[in-house]
Amino acid sequence: ISSSSSSTNYADSVKGRFTISRDNAKNTVYLQMNDLKPEDTGI
């Protein structure tokens, strides 16, 4: 996600399942991961 949140991008393998967002008031960025698959395993 770009600094102004004007642009986001996703790997093809997670597109439609993951969503990136930011809450500047909380100084936090989130990654919502839905419909998780074994191939999503990792650090």
All heavy atoms as atom14 arrays in JSON, in Angstrom:
{
  "sequence": "ISSSSSSTNYADSVKGRFTISRDNAKNTVYLQMNDLKPEDTGI",
  "atom14_mask": [
    [1, 1, 1, 1, 1, 1, 1, 1, 0, 0, 0, 0, 0, 0],
    [1, 1, 1, 1, 1, 1, 0, 0, 0, 0, 0, 0, 0, 0],
    [1, 1, 1, 1, 1, 1, 0, 0, 0, 0, 0, 0, 0, 0],
    [1, 1, 1, 1, 1, 1, 0, 0, 0, 0, 0, 0, 0, 0],
    [1, 1, 1, 1, 1, 1, 0, 0, 0, 0, 0, 0, 0, 0],
    [1, 1, 1, 1, 1, 1, 0, 0, 0, 0, 0, 0, 0, 0],
    [1, 1, 1, 1, 1, 1, 0, 0, 0, 0, 0, 0, 0, 0],
    [1, 1, 1, 1, 1, 1, 1, 0, 0, 0, 0, 0, 0, 0],
    [1, 1, 1, 1, 1, 1, 1, 1, 0, 0, 0, 0, 0, 0],
    [1, 1, 1, 1, 1, 1, 1, 1, 1, 1, 1, 1, 0, 0],
    [1, 1, 1, 1, 1, 0, 0, 0, 0, 0, 0, 0, 0, 0],
    [1, 1, 1, 1, 1, 1, 1, 1, 0, 0, 0, 0, 0, 0],
    [1, 1, 1, 1, 1, 1, 0, 0, 0, 0, 0, 0, 0, 0],
    [1, 1, 1, 1, 1, 1, 1, 0, 0, 0, 0, 0, 0, 0],
    [1, 1, 1, 1, 1, 1, 1, 1, 1, 0, 0, 0, 0, 0],
    [1, 1, 1, 1, 0, 0, 0, 0, 0, 0, 0, 0, 0, 0],
    [1, 1, 1, 1, 1, 1, 1, 1, 1, 1, 1, 0, 0, 0],
    [1, 1, 1, 1, 1, 1, 1, 1, 1, 1, 1, 0, 0, 0],
    [1, 1, 1, 1, 1, 1, 1, 0, 0, 0, 0, 0, 0, 0],
    [1, 1, 1, 1, 1, 1, 1, 1, 0, 0, 0, 0, 0, 0],
    [1, 1, 1, 1, 1, 1, 0, 0, 0, 0, 0, 0, 0, 0],
    [1, 1, 1, 1, 1, 1, 1, 1, 1, 1, 1, 0, 0, 0],
    [1, 1, 1, 1, 1, 1, 1, 1, 0, 0, 0, 0, 0, 0],
    [1, 1, 1, 1, 1, 1, 1, 1, 0, 0, 0, 0, 0, 0],
    [1, 1, 1, 1, 1, 0, 0, 0, 0, 0, 0, 0, 0, 0],
    [1, 1, 1, 1, 1, 1, 1, 1, 1, 0, 0, 0, 0, 0],
    [1, 1, 1, 1, 1, 1, 1, 1, 0, 0, 0, 0, 0, 0],
    [1, 1, 1, 1, 1, 1, 1, 0, 0, 0, 0, 0, 0, 0],
    [1, 1, 1, 1, 1, 1, 1, 0, 0, 0, 0, 0, 0, 0],
    [1, 1, 1, 1, 1, 1, 1, 1, 1, 1, 1, 1, 0, 0],
    [1, 1, 1, 1, 1, 1, 1, 1, 0, 0, 0, 0, 0, 0],
    [1, 1, 1, 1, 1, 1, 1, 1, 1, 0, 0, 0, 0, 0],
    [1, 1, 1, 1, 1, 1, 1, 1, 0, 0, 0, 0, 0, 0],
    [1, 1, 1, 1, 1, 1, 1, 1, 0, 0, 0, 0, 0, 0],
    [1, 1, 1, 1, 1, 1, 1, 1, 0, 0, 0, 0, 0, 0],
    [1, 1, 1, 1, 1, 1, 1, 1, 0, 0, 0, 0, 0, 0],
    [1, 1, 1, 1, 1, 1, 1, 1, 1, 0, 0, 0, 0, 0],
    [1, 1, 1, 1, 1, 1, 1, 0, 0, 0, 0, 0, 0, 0],
    [1, 1, 1, 1, 1, 1, 1, 1, 1, 0, 0, 0, 0, 0],
    [1, 1, 1, 1, 1, 1, 1, 1, 0, 0, 0, 0, 0, 0],
    [1, 1, 1, 1, 1, 1, 1, 0, 0, 0, 0, 0, 0, 0],
    [1, 1, 1, 1, 0, 0, 0, 0, 0, 0, 0, 0, 0, 0],
    [1, 1, 1, 1, 1, 1, 1, 1, 0, 0, 0, 0, 0, 0]
  ],
  "atom14_positions": [
    [[0.86, -1.18, 0.0], [0.0, 0.0, 0.0], [0.9, 1.23, 0.0], [1.88, 1.3, 0.75], [-0.97, -0.01, 1.2], [-1.95, 1.16, 1.12], [-0.22, 0.0, 2.53], [-3.12, 1.02, 2.1], [0.0, 0.0, 0.0], [0.0, 0.0, 0.0], [0.0, 0.0, 0.0], [0.0, 0.0, 0.0], [0.0, 0.0, 0.0], [0.0, 0.0, 0.0]],
    [[0.6, 2.19, -0.86], [1.4, 3.39, -0.96], [1.17, 4.3, 0.24], [0.22, 4.12, 1.01], [1.08, 4.14, -2.26], [-0.28, 4.53, -2.3], [0.0, 0.0, 0.0], [0.0, 0.0, 0.0], [0.0, 0.0, 0.0], [0.0, 0.0, 0.0], [0.0, 0.0, 0.0], [0.0, 0.0, 0.0], [0.0, 0.0, 0.0], [0.0, 0.0, 0.0]],
    [[2.06, 5.28, 0.41], [2.0, 6.12, 1.6], [0.68, 6.88, 1.72], [0.18, 7.07, 2.84], [3.18, 7.11, 1.62], [3.15, 7.95, 0.48], [0.0, 0.0, 0.0], [0.0, 0.0, 0.0], [0.0, 0.0, 0.0], [0.0, 0.0, 0.0], [0.0, 0.0, 0.0], [0.0, 0.0, 0.0], [0.0, 0.0, 0.0], [0.0, 0.0, 0.0]],
    [[0.13, 7.29, 0.6], [-1.15, 8.01, 0.61], [-2.35, 7.09, 0.51], [-3.49, 7.56, 0.51], [-1.19, 9.02, -0.53], [-1.28, 8.36, -1.78], [0.0, 0.0, 0.0], [0.0, 0.0, 0.0], [0.0, 0.0, 0.0], [0.0, 0.0, 0.0], [0.0, 0.0, 0.0], [0.0, 0.0, 0.0], [0.0, 0.0, 0.0], [0.0, 0.0, 0.0]],
    [[-2.11, 5.79, 0.41], [-3.14, 4.78, 0.19], [-3.81, 4.91, -1.16], [-4.89, 4.34, -1.39], [-4.2, 4.81, 1.31], [-3.62, 4.55, 2.57], [0.0, 0.0, 0.0], [0.0, 0.0, 0.0], [0.0, 0.0, 0.0], [0.0, 0.0, 0.0], [0.0, 0.0, 0.0], [0.0, 0.0, 0.0], [0.0, 0.0, 0.0], [0.0, 0.0, 0.0]],
    [[-3.18, 5.64, -2.08], [-3.74, 5.81, -3.41], [-3.57, 4.57, -4.27], [-4.24, 4.43, -5.3], [-3.11, 7.0, -4.11], [-1.71, 6.82, -4.29], [0.0, 0.0, 0.0], [0.0, 0.0, 0.0], [0.0, 0.0, 0.0], [0.0, 0.0, 0.0], [0.0, 0.0, 0.0], [0.0, 0.0, 0.0], [0.0, 0.0, 0.0], [0.0, 0.0, 0.0]],
    [[-2.69, 3.67, -3.87], [-2.41, 2.48, -4.65], [-2.23, 1.28, -3.75], [-1.58, 1.38, -2.7], [-1.16, 2.69, -5.51], [-0.86, 1.54, -6.28], [0.0, 0.0, 0.0], [0.0, 0.0, 0.0], [0.0, 0.0, 0.0], [0.0, 0.0, 0.0], [0.0, 0.0, 0.0], [0.0, 0.0, 0.0], [0.0, 0.0, 0.0], [0.0, 0.0, 0.0]],
    [[-2.79, 0.16, -4.14], [-2.56, -1.13, -3.49], [-2.29, -2.18, -4.55], [-2.68, -2.02, -5.71], [-3.74, -1.57, -2.62], [-4.92, -1.69, -3.43], [-4.01, -0.56, -1.5], [0.0, 0.0, 0.0], [0.0, 0.0, 0.0], [0.0, 0.0, 0.0], [0.0, 0.0, 0.0], [0.0, 0.0, 0.0], [0.0, 0.0, 0.0], [0.0, 0.0, 0.0]],
    [[-1.64, -3.25, -4.15], [-1.36, -4.33, -5.07], [-1.31, -5.65, -4.3], [-1.05, -5.66, -3.1], [-0.04, -4.09, -5.8], [0.08, -4.91, -7.08], [-0.88, -5.51, -7.55], [1.28, -4.93, -7.66], [0.0, 0.0, 0.0], [0.0, 0.0, 0.0], [0.0, 0.0, 0.0], [0.0, 0.0, 0.0], [0.0, 0.0, 0.0], [0.0, 0.0, 0.0]],
    [[-1.55, -6.75, -5.03], [-1.58, -8.07, -4.42], [-0.93, -9.08, -5.34], [-1.03, -8.99, -6.57], [-3.01, -8.52, -4.14], [-3.77, -7.62, -3.21], [-4.5, -6.54, -3.7], [-3.76, -7.85, -1.84], [-5.19, -5.7, -2.84], [-4.45, -7.02, -0.97], [-5.16, -5.95, -1.48], [-5.85, -5.12, -0.62], [0.0, 0.0, 0.0], [0.0, 0.0, 0.0]],
    [[-0.27, -10.05, -4.74], [0.2, -11.18, -5.52], [-0.99, -11.96, -6.07], [-2.05, -12.03, -5.43], [1.06, -12.1, -4.65], [0.0, 0.0, 0.0], [0.0, 0.0, 0.0], [0.0, 0.0, 0.0], [0.0, 0.0, 0.0], [0.0, 0.0, 0.0], [0.0, 0.0, 0.0], [0.0, 0.0, 0.0], [0.0, 0.0, 0.0], [0.0, 0.0, 0.0]],
    [[-0.83, -12.53, -7.25], [-1.93, -13.27, -7.86], [-2.44, -14.39, -6.96], [-3.63, -14.7, -6.95], [-1.5, -13.85, -9.2], [-1.35, -12.8, -10.28], [-1.89, -11.69, -10.12], [-0.68, -13.09, -11.29], [0.0, 0.0, 0.0], [0.0, 0.0, 0.0], [0.0, 0.0, 0.0], [0.0, 0.0, 0.0], [0.0, 0.0, 0.0], [0.0, 0.0, 0.0]],
    [[-1.55, -14.98, -6.18], [-1.91, -16.11, -5.35], [-2.85, -15.74, -4.2], [-3.51, -16.62, -3.64], [-0.66, -16.78, -4.79], [0.11, -15.88, -4.02], [0.0, 0.0, 0.0], [0.0, 0.0, 0.0], [0.0, 0.0, 0.0], [0.0, 0.0, 0.0], [0.0, 0.0, 0.0], [0.0, 0.0, 0.0], [0.0, 0.0, 0.0], [0.0, 0.0, 0.0]],
    [[-2.91, -14.46, -3.84], [-3.75, -14.03, -2.73], [-4.85, -13.07, -3.15], [-5.7, -12.72, -2.32], [-2.91, -13.4, -1.6], [-1.77, -14.31, -1.19], [-2.38, -12.03, -2.03], [0.0, 0.0, 0.0], [0.0, 0.0, 0.0], [0.0, 0.0, 0.0], [0.0, 0.0, 0.0], [0.0, 0.0, 0.0], [0.0, 0.0, 0.0], [0.0, 0.0, 0.0]],
    [[-4.86, -12.66, -4.39], [-5.84, -11.69, -4.86], [-7.26, -12.23, -4.68], [-7.56, -13.37, -5.04], [-5.57, -11.36, -6.33], [-6.3, -10.14, -6.85], [-5.77, -9.74, -8.24], [-4.3, -9.35, -8.19], [-3.78, -8.92, -9.51], [0.0, 0.0, 0.0], [0.0, 0.0, 0.0], [0.0, 0.0, 0.0], [0.0, 0.0, 0.0], [0.0, 0.0, 0.0]],
    [[-8.11, -11.4, -4.12], [-9.47, -11.8, -3.82], [-9.65, -12.41, -2.46], [-10.79, -12.55, -1.99], [0.0, 0.0, 0.0], [0.0, 0.0, 0.0], [0.0, 0.0, 0.0], [0.0, 0.0, 0.0], [0.0, 0.0, 0.0], [0.0, 0.0, 0.0], [0.0, 0.0, 0.0], [0.0, 0.0, 0.0], [0.0, 0.0, 0.0], [0.0, 0.0, 0.0]],
    [[-8.56, -12.79, -1.8], [-8.63, -13.38, -0.47], [-8.04, -12.47, 0.61], [-8.51, -12.47, 1.74], [-7.9, -14.73, -0.44], [-8.49, -15.77, -1.38], [-7.85, -17.13, -1.16], [-6.43, -17.13, -1.48], [-5.46, -17.4, -0.62], [-5.75, -17.71, 0.63], [-4.19, -17.39, -1.01], [0.0, 0.0, 0.0], [0.0, 0.0, 0.0], [0.0, 0.0, 0.0]],
    [[-7.0, -11.73, 0.26], [-6.31, -10.86, 1.21], [-6.66, -9.4, 0.93], [-6.86, -9.0, -0.22], [-4.8, -11.02, 1.11], [-4.26, -12.34, 1.6], [-5.09, -13.41, 1.89], [-2.89, -12.49, 1.78], [-4.58, -14.61, 2.34], [-2.37, -13.69, 2.22], [-3.2, -14.75, 2.51], [0.0, 0.0, 0.0], [0.0, 0.0, 0.0], [0.0, 0.0, 0.0]],
    [[-6.68, -8.6, 1.99], [-6.92, -7.17, 1.87], [-5.96, -6.41, 2.77], [-5.87, -6.7, 3.96], [-8.37, -6.8, 2.26], [-9.29, -7.53, 1.44], [-8.61, -5.31, 2.06], [0.0, 0.0, 0.0], [0.0, 0.0, 0.0], [0.0, 0.0, 0.0], [0.0, 0.0, 0.0], [0.0, 0.0, 0.0], [0.0, 0.0, 0.0], [0.0, 0.0, 0.0]],
    [[-5.26, -5.44, 2.2], [-4.36, -4.59, 2.97], [-5.06, -3.28, 3.27], [-5.82, -2.76, 2.44], [-3.03, -4.36, 2.22], [-2.0, -3.69, 3.13], [-3.24, -3.55, 0.95], [-0.6, -3.66, 2.53], [0.0, 0.0, 0.0], [0.0, 0.0, 0.0], [0.0, 0.0, 0.0], [0.0, 0.0, 0.0], [0.0, 0.0, 0.0], [0.0, 0.0, 0.0]],
    [[-4.83, -2.75, 4.45], [-5.42, -1.48, 4.84], [-4.52, -0.81, 5.86], [-3.61, -1.43, 6.41], [-6.84, -1.66, 5.4], [-6.81, -2.44, 6.58], [0.0, 0.0, 0.0], [0.0, 0.0, 0.0], [0.0, 0.0, 0.0], [0.0, 0.0, 0.0], [0.0, 0.0, 0.0], [0.0, 0.0, 0.0], [0.0, 0.0, 0.0], [0.0, 0.0, 0.0]],
    [[-4.78, 0.46, 6.1], [-3.99, 1.17, 7.1], [-4.89, 2.07, 7.93], [-5.9, 2.59, 7.44], [-2.86, 1.98, 6.44], [-3.33, 3.16, 5.6], [-2.24, 3.64, 4.66], [-1.01, 3.98, 5.36], [0.2, 4.01, 4.79], [0.34, 3.71, 3.51], [1.26, 4.33, 5.51], [0.0, 0.0, 0.0], [0.0, 0.0, 0.0], [0.0, 0.0, 0.0]],
    [[-4.52, 2.25, 9.18], [-5.2, 3.16, 10.09], [-4.12, 4.09, 10.62], [-3.42, 3.76, 11.58], [-5.89, 2.41, 11.21], [-6.75, 3.31, 12.08], [-6.54, 4.53, 12.09], [-7.65, 2.79, 12.77], [0.0, 0.0, 0.0], [0.0, 0.0, 0.0], [0.0, 0.0, 0.0], [0.0, 0.0, 0.0], [0.0, 0.0, 0.0], [0.0, 0.0, 0.0]],
    [[-3.97, 5.24, 9.99], [-2.9, 6.15, 10.37], [-3.05, 6.67, 11.8], [-2.06, 6.97, 12.46], [-2.83, 7.32, 9.39], [-2.28, 6.91, 8.04], [-1.58, 5.9, 7.91], [-2.59, 7.69, 7.01], [0.0, 0.0, 0.0], [0.0, 0.0, 0.0], [0.0, 0.0, 0.0], [0.0, 0.0, 0.0], [0.0, 0.0, 0.0], [0.0, 0.0, 0.0]],
    [[-4.29, 6.78, 12.27], [-4.51, 7.23, 13.64], [-3.92, 6.25, 14.64], [-3.48, 6.64, 15.73], [-6.0, 7.43, 13.91], [0.0, 0.0, 0.0], [0.0, 0.0, 0.0], [0.0, 0.0, 0.0], [0.0, 0.0, 0.0], [0.0, 0.0, 0.0], [0.0, 0.0, 0.0], [0.0, 0.0, 0.0], [0.0, 0.0, 0.0], [0.0, 0.0, 0.0]],
    [[-3.91, 4.97, 14.3], [-3.33, 3.94, 15.15], [-1.91, 3.58, 14.74], [-1.28, 2.73, 15.37], [-4.2, 2.68, 15.12], [-5.59, 2.88, 15.69], [-6.38, 1.58, 15.65], [-7.76, 1.78, 16.24], [-8.56, 0.53, 16.19], [0.0, 0.0, 0.0], [0.0, 0.0, 0.0], [0.0, 0.0, 0.0], [0.0, 0.0, 0.0], [0.0, 0.0, 0.0]],
    [[-1.42, 4.23, 13.68], [-0.07, 3.97, 13.18], [0.14, 2.49, 12.89], [1.19, 1.91, 13.2], [0.99, 4.48, 14.18], [2.15, 5.17, 13.5], [2.02, 5.71, 12.4], [3.31, 5.16, 14.15], [0.0, 0.0, 0.0], [0.0, 0.0, 0.0], [0.0, 0.0, 0.0], [0.0, 0.0, 0.0], [0.0, 0.0, 0.0], [0.0, 0.0, 0.0]],
    [[-0.86, 1.89, 12.26], [-0.87, 0.45, 12.05], [-1.36, 0.12, 10.64], [-2.27, 0.77, 10.12], [-1.77, -0.25, 13.08], [-1.29, 0.04, 14.4], [-1.78, -1.75, 12.88], [0.0, 0.0, 0.0], [0.0, 0.0, 0.0], [0.0, 0.0, 0.0], [0.0, 0.0, 0.0], [0.0, 0.0, 0.0], [0.0, 0.0, 0.0], [0.0, 0.0, 0.0]],
    [[-0.75, -0.89, 10.04], [-1.18, -1.45, 8.77], [-1.66, -2.87, 9.03], [-1.06, -3.6, 9.83], [-0.04, -1.44, 7.73], [-0.45, -2.19, 6.47], [0.32, 0.0, 7.37], [0.0, 0.0, 0.0], [0.0, 0.0, 0.0], [0.0, 0.0, 0.0], [0.0, 0.0, 0.0], [0.0, 0.0, 0.0], [0.0, 0.0, 0.0], [0.0, 0.0, 0.0]],
    [[-2.72, -3.26, 8.34], [-3.32, -4.57, 8.54], [-3.27, -5.39, 7.26], [-3.26, -4.86, 6.15], [-4.78, -4.44, 8.98], [-4.98, -3.61, 10.21], [-5.34, -2.27, 10.12], [-4.81, -4.17, 11.47], [-5.52, -1.51, 11.26], [-4.99, -3.41, 12.61], [-5.35, -2.08, 12.5], [-5.53, -1.33, 13.63], [0.0, 0.0, 0.0], [0.0, 0.0, 0.0]],
    [[-3.27, -6.7, 7.44], [-3.45, -7.62, 6.33], [-4.52, -8.62, 6.74], [-4.28, -9.5, 7.58], [-2.14, -8.35, 5.98], [-2.23, -9.27, 4.77], [-2.45, -8.47, 3.49], [-0.97, -10.13, 4.64], [0.0, 0.0, 0.0], [0.0, 0.0, 0.0], [0.0, 0.0, 0.0], [0.0, 0.0, 0.0], [0.0, 0.0, 0.0], [0.0, 0.0, 0.0]],
    [[-5.71, -8.45, 6.19], [-6.81, -9.37, 6.43], [-6.66, -10.54, 5.47], [-6.64, -10.35, 4.26], [-8.16, -8.68, 6.23], [-9.36, -9.59, 6.42], [-9.53, -10.05, 7.84], [-9.39, -9.26, 8.77], [-9.84, -11.33, 8.03], [0.0, 0.0, 0.0], [0.0, 0.0, 0.0], [0.0, 0.0, 0.0], [0.0, 0.0, 0.0], [0.0, 0.0, 0.0]],
    [[-6.57, -11.74, 6.01], [-6.35, -12.94, 5.21], [-7.55, -13.86, 5.38], [-7.78, -14.39, 6.47], [-5.07, -13.65, 5.64], [-3.83, -12.75, 5.61], [-2.3, -13.66, 5.94], [-2.62, -14.23, 7.62], [0.0, 0.0, 0.0], [0.0, 0.0, 0.0], [0.0, 0.0, 0.0], [0.0, 0.0, 0.0], [0.0, 0.0, 0.0], [0.0, 0.0, 0.0]],
    [[-8.31, -14.04, 4.31], [-9.48, -14.89, 4.32], [-9.25, -16.14, 3.48], [-8.38, -16.16, 2.6], [-10.7, -14.13, 3.79], [-11.08, -12.95, 4.64], [-10.91, -12.95, 5.85], [-11.63, -11.91, 4.0], [0.0, 0.0, 0.0], [0.0, 0.0, 0.0], [0.0, 0.0, 0.0], [0.0, 0.0, 0.0], [0.0, 0.0, 0.0], [0.0, 0.0, 0.0]],
    [[-10.05, -17.16, 3.74], [-9.97, -18.41, 2.99], [-8.53, -18.91, 2.89], [-8.01, -19.2, 1.81], [-10.57, -18.22, 1.59], [-10.77, -19.53, 0.85], [-10.92, -20.58, 1.51], [-10.8, -19.5, -0.4], [0.0, 0.0, 0.0], [0.0, 0.0, 0.0], [0.0, 0.0, 0.0], [0.0, 0.0, 0.0], [0.0, 0.0, 0.0], [0.0, 0.0, 0.0]],
    [[-7.9, -19.02, 4.03], [-6.49, -19.4, 4.06], [-6.27, -20.81, 3.55], [-7.09, -21.71, 3.78], [-5.95, -19.26, 5.48], [-5.66, -17.81, 5.89], [-5.55, -17.69, 7.4], [-4.39, -17.3, 5.21], [0.0, 0.0, 0.0], [0.0, 0.0, 0.0], [0.0, 0.0, 0.0], [0.0, 0.0, 0.0], [0.0, 0.0, 0.0], [0.0, 0.0, 0.0]],
    [[-5.16, -20.99, 2.88], [-4.79, -22.27, 2.29], [-3.43, -22.7, 2.84], [-2.65, -21.87, 3.28], [-4.72, -22.14, 0.76], [-5.99, -21.61, 0.12], [-5.83, -21.44, -1.37], [-7.06, -20.8, -1.99], [-8.27, -21.64, -1.79], [0.0, 0.0, 0.0], [0.0, 0.0, 0.0], [0.0, 0.0, 0.0], [0.0, 0.0, 0.0], [0.0, 0.0, 0.0]],
    [[-3.13, -24.0, 2.8], [-1.83, -24.45, 3.29], [-0.65, -23.74, 2.63], [0.38, -23.52, 3.28], [-1.84, -25.96, 2.97], [-3.29, -26.33, 3.04], [-4.02, -25.14, 2.48], [0.0, 0.0, 0.0], [0.0, 0.0, 0.0], [0.0, 0.0, 0.0], [0.0, 0.0, 0.0], [0.0, 0.0, 0.0], [0.0, 0.0, 0.0], [0.0, 0.0, 0.0]],
    [[-0.79, -23.37, 1.37], [0.29, -22.67, 0.67], [0.54, -21.27, 1.22], [1.55, -20.65, 0.88], [-0.03, -22.58, -0.83], [-1.23, -21.7, -1.16], [-1.65, -21.79, -2.61], [-2.07, -22.89, -3.04], [-1.53, -20.78, -3.33], [0.0, 0.0, 0.0], [0.0, 0.0, 0.0], [0.0, 0.0, 0.0], [0.0, 0.0, 0.0], [0.0, 0.0, 0.0]],
    [[-0.35, -20.77, 2.06], [-0.15, -19.47, 2.7], [0.77, -19.56, 3.91], [1.12, -18.52, 4.49], [-1.48, -18.87, 3.13], [-2.39, -18.56, 1.96], [-1.9, -18.05, 0.93], [-3.61, -18.82, 2.08], [0.0, 0.0, 0.0], [0.0, 0.0, 0.0], [0.0, 0.0, 0.0], [0.0, 0.0, 0.0], [0.0, 0.0, 0.0], [0.0, 0.0, 0.0]],
    [[1.15, -20.74, 4.31], [2.01, -20.93, 5.47], [3.37, -20.26, 5.26], [3.96, -20.35, 4.19], [2.21, -22.43, 5.75], [0.96, -23.0, 6.15], [3.23, -22.65, 6.86], [0.0, 0.0, 0.0], [0.0, 0.0, 0.0], [0.0, 0.0, 0.0], [0.0, 0.0, 0.0], [0.0, 0.0, 0.0], [0.0, 0.0, 0.0], [0.0, 0.0, 0.0]],
    [[3.85, -19.59, 6.28], [5.15, -18.96, 6.23], [5.29, -17.9, 7.3], [4.37, -17.65, 8.08], [0.0, 0.0, 0.0], [0.0, 0.0, 0.0], [0.0, 0.0, 0.0], [0.0, 0.0, 0.0], [0.0, 0.0, 0.0], [0.0, 0.0, 0.0], [0.0, 0.0, 0.0], [0.0, 0.0, 0.0], [0.0, 0.0, 0.0], [0.0, 0.0, 0.0]],
    [[6.44, -17.29, 7.34], [6.66, -16.15, 8.21], [6.31, -14.89, 7.44], [6.8, -14.67, 6.33], [8.12, -16.08, 8.69], [8.5, -17.36, 9.43], [8.32, -14.88, 9.61], [9.96, -17.42, 9.82], [0.0, 0.0, 0.0], [0.0, 0.0, 0.0], [0.0, 0.0, 0.0], [0.0, 0.0, 0.0], [0.0, 0.0, 0.0], [0.0, 0.0, 0.0]]
  ]
}
